[in-house]
């Protein structure tokens, strides 16, 4: 498992990175390029993902409790099976987020109209 807890990777190019099972708790990934990154089962609890480019990223089964995703690009992102732990994903959490018909949401979640 990759341990990047509390890492500062904001505004970095991590496009296509293999971060499966990575520990990214509390990591600062603001403005990072994570297009097509493999983040399956990654621990992103309380991570800062504001304005992050997650287009085409795979976050299947990722832990996202307390993560800030405001302004993130989620077109084509797979969020199926993502866990929000003690927090429920609500429309307010998606402020400024962009997504499209190819975005896969957790089961039962209906995003607000873009």
Protein backbone atom coordinates (compact mmCIF):
# COMPACT_ATOMS: atom_id res chain seq x y z
CA UNK A 1 0.00 0.00 0.00
CA UNK A 2 1.27 3.46 -0.90
CA UNK A 3 1.30 5.75 2.15
CA UNK A 4 0.87 9.38 1.21
CA UNK A 5 -1.02 10.47 4.31
CA UNK A 6 -0.91 14.26 4.64
CA UNK A 7 1.01 14.54 1.37
CA UNK A 8 1.16 17.89 -0.37
CA UNK A 9 0.53 17.16 -4.02
CA UNK A 10 -1.63 20.09 -5.00
CA UNK A 11 -1.21 21.44 -8.52
CA UNK A 12 0.79 18.32 -9.51
CA UNK A 13 0.42 16.05 -12.51
CA UNK A 14 -0.61 12.61 -11.30
CA UNK A 15 -2.55 11.74 -14.45
CA UNK A 16 -2.77 7.98 -14.93
CA UNK A 17 -1.11 7.26 -11.57
CA UNK A 18 -1.68 3.87 -9.96
CA UNK A 19 -2.82 4.79 -6.46
CA UNK A 20 -4.86 1.68 -5.69
CA UNK A 21 -5.22 1.15 -1.94
CA UNK A 22 -3.14 4.30 -1.30
CA UNK A 23 -3.40 6.02 2.07
CA UNK A 24 -4.17 9.61 1.11
CA UNK A 25 -5.90 10.68 4.32
CA UNK A 26 -5.70 14.44 4.84
CA UNK A 27 -3.64 14.80 1.64
CA UNK A 28 -3.67 18.19 -0.06
CA UNK A 29 -4.49 17.40 -3.67
CA UNK A 30 -6.03 20.76 -4.53
CA UNK A 31 -5.77 21.54 -8.25
CA UNK A 32 -3.94 18.24 -8.93
CA UNK A 33 -4.31 16.50 -12.28
CA UNK A 34 -5.58 12.99 -11.51
CA UNK A 35 -7.13 12.29 -14.91
CA UNK A 36 -7.48 8.53 -15.49
CA UNK A 37 -5.80 7.78 -12.14
CA UNK A 38 -6.57 4.44 -10.51
CA UNK A 39 -7.74 5.28 -6.99
CA UNK A 40 -9.69 2.08 -6.35
CA UNK A 41 -10.05 1.42 -2.63
CA UNK A 42 -7.86 4.44 -1.80
CA UNK A 43 -8.32 6.10 1.58
CA UNK A 44 -9.10 9.74 0.79
CA UNK A 45 -10.81 10.60 4.07
CA UNK A 46 -10.58 14.31 4.84
CA UNK A 47 -8.46 14.89 1.72
CA UNK A 48 -8.56 18.24 -0.03
CA UNK A 49 -9.65 17.60 -3.61
CA UNK A 50 -10.93 21.07 -4.47
CA UNK A 51 -10.64 21.90 -8.17
CA UNK A 52 -8.96 18.53 -8.76
CA UNK A 53 -9.19 17.08 -12.27
CA UNK A 54 -10.57 13.57 -11.77
CA UNK A 55 -11.90 13.05 -15.29
CA UNK A 56 -11.90 9.35 -16.07
CA UNK A 57 -10.48 8.42 -12.66
CA UNK A 58 -11.54 5.19 -10.98
CA UNK A 59 -12.55 5.76 -7.35
CA UNK A 60 -14.51 2.53 -7.03
CA UNK A 61 -14.61 1.57 -3.36
CA UNK A 62 -12.61 4.63 -2.26
CA UNK A 63 -13.18 6.08 1.22
CA UNK A 64 -14.15 9.73 0.85
CA UNK A 65 -15.61 10.60 4.26
CA UNK A 66 -14.99 14.27 4.96
CA UNK A 67 -13.16 14.84 1.65
CA UNK A 68 -13.65 18.25 0.06
CA UNK A 69 -14.45 17.79 -3.63
CA UNK A 70 -15.82 21.26 -4.37
CA UNK A 71 -15.02 22.40 -7.89
CA UNK A 72 -13.64 18.99 -8.95
CA UNK A 73 -14.04 17.74 -12.53
CA UNK A 74 -15.81 14.38 -12.44
CA UNK A 75 -16.66 13.74 -16.08
CA UNK A 76 -16.33 10.00 -16.66
CA UNK A 77 -15.30 9.36 -13.05
CA UNK A 78 -16.31 6.05 -11.47
CA UNK A 79 -17.55 6.60 -7.91
CA UNK A 80 -19.45 3.31 -7.66
CA UNK A 81 -19.03 1.70 -4.30
CA UNK A 82 -17.31 4.80 -2.92
CA UNK A 83 -17.76 5.15 0.83
CA UNK A 84 -18.58 8.42 2.47
CA UNK A 85 -18.33 6.86 5.95
CA UNK A 86 -20.09 8.99 8.51
CA UNK A 87 -20.92 11.61 5.96
CA UNK A 88 -23.66 11.32 3.40
CA UNK A 89 -23.00 12.78 -0.01
CA UNK A 90 -25.46 15.62 -0.48
CA UNK A 91 -25.96 18.12 -3.28
CA UNK A 92 -24.21 20.85 -1.27
CA UNK A 93 -20.99 18.81 -1.35
CA UNK A 94 -20.99 19.14 -5.13
CA UNK A 95 -20.69 22.93 -5.25
CA UNK A 96 -18.91 23.83 -8.46
CA UNK A 97 -18.35 20.19 -9.43
CA UNK A 98 -18.69 19.32 -13.11
CA UNK A 99 -19.88 15.91 -14.30
CA UNK A 100 -21.65 14.35 -17.24
CA UNK A 101 -23.71 11.31 -18.21
CA UNK A 102 -20.61 9.09 -18.02
CA UNK A 103 -20.02 9.85 -14.32
CA UNK A 104 -20.88 6.77 -12.24
CA UNK A 105 -22.30 7.70 -8.83
CA UNK A 106 -22.62 5.59 -5.66
CA UNK A 107 -25.72 3.42 -5.66
CA UNK A 108 -28.81 5.35 -4.71
CA UNK A 109 -27.27 8.82 -5.10
CA UNK A 110 -28.99 11.13 -7.54
CA UNK A 111 -26.87 14.20 -8.31
CA UNK A 112 -28.49 17.58 -8.84
CA UNK A 113 -28.95 18.76 -12.40
CA UNK A 114 -25.69 20.24 -13.71
